[in-house]
Amino acid sequence: MAATSRIFDHPDLAEVDLTTVLFALSDQARLDLVRLLAEQGPQTVAQCHAVDPDAPKSTFSHHLRTLREAGVIRNEPTGRQREITLRRAELDERFPGLLAAILG
């Protein structure tokens, strides 16, 4: 039996409010992850976990879920791995200047 990667739901940013995005970015570990994605582009889950390697897997998964559900990142299967991407263009369209202000 072949294993298949789970497909996660990603919210339509038109339905995401600013407080949800700000909450997702309020944690230092999540903010560091977003900075990594902004600076280096898409990363695998393993590369992202290297930002805080001492964090338990459950905590790291929680951070990814919080960012995904807030519309900040996409978490999609790519072959045998998962690729994490920042939804920068969509966020800039919905909340102009927000990421630049937070990451600047």
N, C-alpha and C. Protein backbone atom coordinates (compact mmCIF):
# COMPACT_ATOMS: atom_id res chain seq x y z
N MET A 1 0.84 -1.18 0.00
CA MET A 1 0.00 0.00 0.00
C MET A 1 0.89 1.25 0.00
N ALA A 2 0.68 2.14 -0.91
CA ALA A 2 1.47 3.35 -1.02
C ALA A 2 0.97 4.41 -0.05
N ALA A 3 1.92 5.08 0.60
CA ALA A 3 1.56 6.16 1.51
C ALA A 3 1.33 7.44 0.71
N THR A 4 0.35 8.18 1.10
CA THR A 4 0.09 9.44 0.43
C THR A 4 0.23 10.57 1.43
N SER A 5 0.71 11.70 0.97
CA SER A 5 0.84 12.86 1.83
C SER A 5 -0.51 13.52 2.04
N ARG A 6 -0.72 13.94 3.24
CA ARG A 6 -1.97 14.61 3.57
C ARG A 6 -1.98 16.00 2.93
N ILE A 7 -3.11 16.36 2.36
CA ILE A 7 -3.28 17.69 1.77
C ILE A 7 -3.96 18.57 2.82
N PHE A 8 -3.31 19.67 3.16
CA PHE A 8 -3.85 20.59 4.16
C PHE A 8 -4.72 21.66 3.50
N ASP A 9 -5.69 22.14 4.25
CA ASP A 9 -6.50 23.26 3.80
C ASP A 9 -5.73 24.55 4.04
N HIS A 10 -5.84 25.46 3.08
CA HIS A 10 -5.21 26.78 3.19
C HIS A 10 -6.34 27.80 3.03
N PRO A 11 -6.48 28.69 3.98
CA PRO A 11 -7.60 29.63 3.92
C PRO A 11 -7.48 30.63 2.78
N ASP A 12 -8.61 31.07 2.31
CA ASP A 12 -8.66 32.18 1.36
C ASP A 12 -8.35 33.43 2.17
N LEU A 13 -7.35 34.18 1.75
CA LEU A 13 -6.95 35.35 2.55
C LEU A 13 -8.03 36.42 2.63
N ALA A 14 -8.99 36.40 1.72
CA ALA A 14 -10.09 37.36 1.81
C ALA A 14 -10.91 37.12 3.08
N GLU A 15 -10.82 35.91 3.62
CA GLU A 15 -11.58 35.56 4.81
C GLU A 15 -10.76 35.63 6.09
N VAL A 16 -9.48 35.96 5.98
CA VAL A 16 -8.59 36.04 7.15
C VAL A 16 -8.54 37.47 7.64
N ASP A 17 -8.69 37.64 8.96
CA ASP A 17 -8.63 39.00 9.50
C ASP A 17 -7.23 39.31 10.03
N LEU A 18 -6.96 40.58 10.19
CA LEU A 18 -5.63 41.05 10.58
C LEU A 18 -5.22 40.50 11.95
N THR A 19 -6.14 40.42 12.89
CA THR A 19 -5.77 39.94 14.22
C THR A 19 -5.28 38.49 14.18
N THR A 20 -5.83 37.69 13.30
CA THR A 20 -5.40 36.29 13.17
C THR A 20 -3.96 36.24 12.66
N VAL A 21 -3.64 37.06 11.68
CA VAL A 21 -2.27 37.10 11.14
C VAL A 21 -1.31 37.62 12.20
N LEU A 22 -1.69 38.68 12.89
CA LEU A 22 -0.82 39.25 13.92
C LEU A 22 -0.59 38.26 15.06
N PHE A 23 -1.63 37.52 15.44
CA PHE A 23 -1.45 36.51 16.48
C PHE A 23 -0.44 35.46 16.02
N ALA A 24 -0.58 35.00 14.79
CA ALA A 24 0.34 33.98 14.26
C ALA A 24 1.78 34.48 14.27
N LEU A 25 1.97 35.76 14.03
CA LEU A 25 3.32 36.33 13.98
C LEU A 25 3.81 36.81 15.33
N SER A 26 3.00 36.67 16.38
CA SER A 26 3.37 37.19 17.70
C SER A 26 4.37 36.30 18.45
N ASP A 27 4.50 35.06 18.03
CA ASP A 27 5.44 34.14 18.67
C ASP A 27 6.80 34.26 17.99
N GLN A 28 7.86 34.36 18.79
CA GLN A 28 9.21 34.56 18.22
C GLN A 28 9.64 33.43 17.31
N ALA A 29 9.33 32.19 17.66
CA ALA A 29 9.71 31.05 16.81
C ALA A 29 9.00 31.12 15.46
N ARG A 30 7.71 31.47 15.46
CA ARG A 30 6.97 31.58 14.20
C ARG A 30 7.50 32.76 13.39
N LEU A 31 7.81 33.86 14.05
CA LEU A 31 8.35 35.02 13.35
C LEU A 31 9.71 34.69 12.73
N ASP A 32 10.55 33.95 13.44
CA ASP A 32 11.84 33.53 12.90
C ASP A 32 11.66 32.65 11.66
N LEU A 33 10.67 31.79 11.70
CA LEU A 33 10.37 30.92 10.56
C LEU A 33 9.93 31.75 9.36
N VAL A 34 9.08 32.73 9.58
CA VAL A 34 8.62 33.61 8.49
C VAL A 34 9.80 34.40 7.94
N ARG A 35 10.69 34.86 8.80
CA ARG A 35 11.89 35.58 8.33
C ARG A 35 12.73 34.69 7.43
N LEU A 36 12.92 33.43 7.84
CA LEU A 36 13.68 32.48 7.03
C LEU A 36 13.06 32.34 5.64
N LEU A 37 11.75 32.16 5.60
CA LEU A 37 11.06 32.00 4.32
C LEU A 37 11.14 33.27 3.48
N ALA A 38 11.06 34.42 4.11
CA ALA A 38 11.13 35.70 3.39
C ALA A 38 12.52 35.90 2.79
N GLU A 39 13.56 35.49 3.52
CA GLU A 39 14.93 35.70 3.07
C GLU A 39 15.41 34.63 2.08
N GLN A 40 15.01 33.38 2.30
CA GLN A 40 15.59 32.29 1.53
C GLN A 40 14.61 31.59 0.60
N GLY A 41 13.35 31.94 0.67
CA GLY A 41 12.38 31.31 -0.20
C GLY A 41 11.87 30.00 0.38
N PRO A 42 11.17 29.22 -0.44
CA PRO A 42 10.58 27.96 0.03
C PRO A 42 11.62 27.04 0.66
N GLN A 43 11.19 26.36 1.71
CA GLN A 43 12.05 25.45 2.45
C GLN A 43 11.31 24.15 2.73
N THR A 44 12.06 23.08 2.93
CA THR A 44 11.43 21.84 3.37
C THR A 44 11.13 21.96 4.86
N VAL A 45 10.29 21.07 5.35
CA VAL A 45 9.98 21.09 6.78
C VAL A 45 11.25 20.92 7.60
N ALA A 46 12.14 20.02 7.18
CA ALA A 46 13.39 19.80 7.90
C ALA A 46 14.24 21.07 7.96
N GLN A 47 14.31 21.80 6.85
CA GLN A 47 15.08 23.05 6.84
C GLN A 47 14.45 24.07 7.78
N CYS A 48 13.14 24.10 7.82
CA CYS A 48 12.44 25.03 8.71
C CYS A 48 12.67 24.68 10.17
N HIS A 49 12.68 23.38 10.47
CA HIS A 49 12.86 22.96 11.85
C HIS A 49 14.25 23.31 12.34
N ALA A 50 15.20 23.51 11.45
CA ALA A 50 16.56 23.89 11.83
C ALA A 50 16.61 25.28 12.46
N VAL A 51 15.56 26.08 12.27
CA VAL A 51 15.50 27.41 12.89
C VAL A 51 15.54 27.27 14.40
N ASP A 52 14.84 26.26 14.93
CA ASP A 52 14.81 26.00 16.37
C ASP A 52 14.86 24.49 16.58
N PRO A 53 16.05 23.89 16.40
CA PRO A 53 16.15 22.42 16.44
C PRO A 53 15.82 21.81 17.80
N ASP A 54 15.88 22.59 18.86
CA ASP A 54 15.58 22.06 20.19
C ASP A 54 14.08 21.99 20.48
N ALA A 55 13.28 22.60 19.63
CA ALA A 55 11.83 22.57 19.83
C ALA A 55 11.30 21.16 19.58
N PRO A 56 10.43 20.68 20.45
CA PRO A 56 9.82 19.36 20.20
C PRO A 56 9.05 19.37 18.89
N LYS A 57 8.94 18.20 18.27
CA LYS A 57 8.21 18.09 17.01
C LYS A 57 6.78 18.59 17.14
N SER A 58 6.15 18.30 18.27
CA SER A 58 4.76 18.72 18.46
C SER A 58 4.64 20.25 18.50
N THR A 59 5.61 20.91 19.11
CA THR A 59 5.60 22.38 19.15
C THR A 59 5.83 22.94 17.76
N PHE A 60 6.78 22.36 17.04
CA PHE A 60 7.07 22.82 15.68
C PHE A 60 5.86 22.63 14.78
N SER A 61 5.19 21.49 14.89
CA SER A 61 3.98 21.23 14.11
C SER A 61 2.89 22.24 14.44
N HIS A 62 2.79 22.58 15.72
CA HIS A 62 1.81 23.59 16.14
C HIS A 62 2.12 24.94 15.49
N HIS A 63 3.38 25.32 15.46
CA HIS A 63 3.77 26.58 14.81
C HIS A 63 3.39 26.59 13.33
N LEU A 64 3.70 25.49 12.64
CA LEU A 64 3.34 25.40 11.22
C LEU A 64 1.84 25.48 11.02
N ARG A 65 1.09 24.81 11.86
CA ARG A 65 -0.37 24.82 11.75
C ARG A 65 -0.92 26.22 12.00
N THR A 66 -0.41 26.90 13.02
CA THR A 66 -0.88 28.25 13.33
C THR A 66 -0.62 29.19 12.16
N LEU A 67 0.57 29.12 11.58
CA LEU A 67 0.90 29.98 10.44
C LEU A 67 0.05 29.63 9.21
N ARG A 68 -0.16 28.34 8.99
CA ARG A 68 -0.97 27.91 7.83
C ARG A 68 -2.42 28.36 7.98
N GLU A 69 -2.99 28.13 9.15
CA GLU A 69 -4.39 28.49 9.37
C GLU A 69 -4.62 30.00 9.37
N ALA A 70 -3.57 30.77 9.63
CA ALA A 70 -3.66 32.23 9.57
C ALA A 70 -3.43 32.75 8.15
N GLY A 71 -3.09 31.84 7.23
CA GLY A 71 -2.88 32.25 5.85
C GLY A 71 -1.50 32.79 5.56
N VAL A 72 -0.57 32.61 6.48
CA VAL A 72 0.77 33.17 6.32
C VAL A 72 1.65 32.28 5.45
N ILE A 73 1.48 30.96 5.56
CA ILE A 73 2.31 30.03 4.79
C ILE A 73 1.44 29.01 4.07
N ARG A 74 2.07 28.33 3.13
CA ARG A 74 1.49 27.15 2.50
C ARG A 74 2.38 25.98 2.92
N ASN A 75 1.76 24.84 3.17
CA ASN A 75 2.47 23.63 3.55
C ASN A 75 1.95 22.54 2.62
N GLU A 76 2.74 22.22 1.60
CA GLU A 76 2.27 21.32 0.54
C GLU A 76 3.26 20.20 0.29
N PRO A 77 2.72 19.01 -0.05
CA PRO A 77 3.62 17.90 -0.36
C PRO A 77 4.38 18.14 -1.65
N THR A 78 5.66 17.78 -1.62
CA THR A 78 6.51 17.83 -2.80
C THR A 78 7.33 16.55 -2.80
N GLY A 79 6.90 15.59 -3.57
CA GLY A 79 7.56 14.29 -3.55
C GLY A 79 7.40 13.64 -2.19
N ARG A 80 8.52 13.27 -1.58
CA ARG A 80 8.49 12.62 -0.27
C ARG A 80 8.63 13.61 0.87
N GLN A 81 8.69 14.88 0.54
CA GLN A 81 8.86 15.92 1.56
C GLN A 81 7.68 16.88 1.51
N ARG A 82 7.70 17.83 2.42
CA ARG A 82 6.70 18.90 2.42
C ARG A 82 7.46 20.21 2.24
N GLU A 83 6.90 21.08 1.41
CA GLU A 83 7.53 22.37 1.15
C GLU A 83 6.70 23.46 1.82
N ILE A 84 7.40 24.34 2.53
CA ILE A 84 6.77 25.46 3.22
C ILE A 84 7.10 26.72 2.43
N THR A 85 6.07 27.46 2.05
CA THR A 85 6.27 28.72 1.32
C THR A 85 5.52 29.84 2.01
N LEU A 86 6.09 31.01 1.95
CA LEU A 86 5.45 32.21 2.48
C LEU A 86 4.47 32.74 1.45
N ARG A 87 3.27 33.08 1.87
CA ARG A 87 2.25 33.61 0.96
C ARG A 87 2.40 35.13 0.86
N ARG A 88 3.59 35.58 0.56
CA ARG A 88 3.92 37.00 0.60
C ARG A 88 3.08 37.84 -0.35
N ALA A 89 2.97 37.44 -1.60
CA ALA A 89 2.21 38.24 -2.57
C ALA A 89 0.75 38.37 -2.14
N GLU A 90 0.18 37.25 -1.68
CA GLU A 90 -1.22 37.29 -1.23
C GLU A 90 -1.39 38.15 0.01
N LEU A 91 -0.44 38.04 0.95
CA LEU A 91 -0.51 38.85 2.17
C LEU A 91 -0.32 40.33 1.85
N ASP A 92 0.60 40.63 0.94
CA ASP A 92 0.83 42.03 0.55
C ASP A 92 -0.40 42.62 -0.12
N GLU A 93 -1.12 41.81 -0.86
CA GLU A 93 -2.34 42.29 -1.50
C GLU A 93 -3.44 42.53 -0.47
N ARG A 94 -3.57 41.62 0.48
CA ARG A 94 -4.64 41.71 1.49
C ARG A 94 -4.32 42.75 2.56
N PHE A 95 -3.06 42.78 3.01
CA PHE A 95 -2.61 43.69 4.06
C PHE A 95 -1.36 44.42 3.58
N PRO A 96 -1.51 45.43 2.72
CA PRO A 96 -0.35 46.10 2.14
C PRO A 96 0.62 46.63 3.19
N GLY A 97 1.89 46.27 3.02
CA GLY A 97 2.95 46.78 3.90
C GLY A 97 3.11 46.05 5.22
N LEU A 98 2.21 45.13 5.54
CA LEU A 98 2.27 44.46 6.83
C LEU A 98 3.57 43.66 7.00
N LEU A 99 3.86 42.77 6.06
CA LEU A 99 5.07 41.97 6.21
C LEU A 99 6.33 42.82 6.18
N ALA A 100 6.35 43.82 5.32
CA ALA A 100 7.52 44.70 5.26
C ALA A 100 7.74 45.39 6.60
N ALA A 101 6.68 45.82 7.23
CA ALA A 101 6.79 46.49 8.53
C ALA A 101 7.23 45.52 9.62
N ILE A 102 6.71 44.32 9.61
CA ILE A 102 7.03 43.35 10.65
C ILE A 102 8.43 42.78 10.46
N LEU A 103 8.78 42.49 9.21
CA LEU A 103 10.09 41.89 8.95
C LEU A 103 11.21 42.90 8.84
N GLY A 104 10.85 44.16 8.58
CA GLY A 104 11.85 45.21 8.40
C GLY A 104 12.61 45.49 9.63
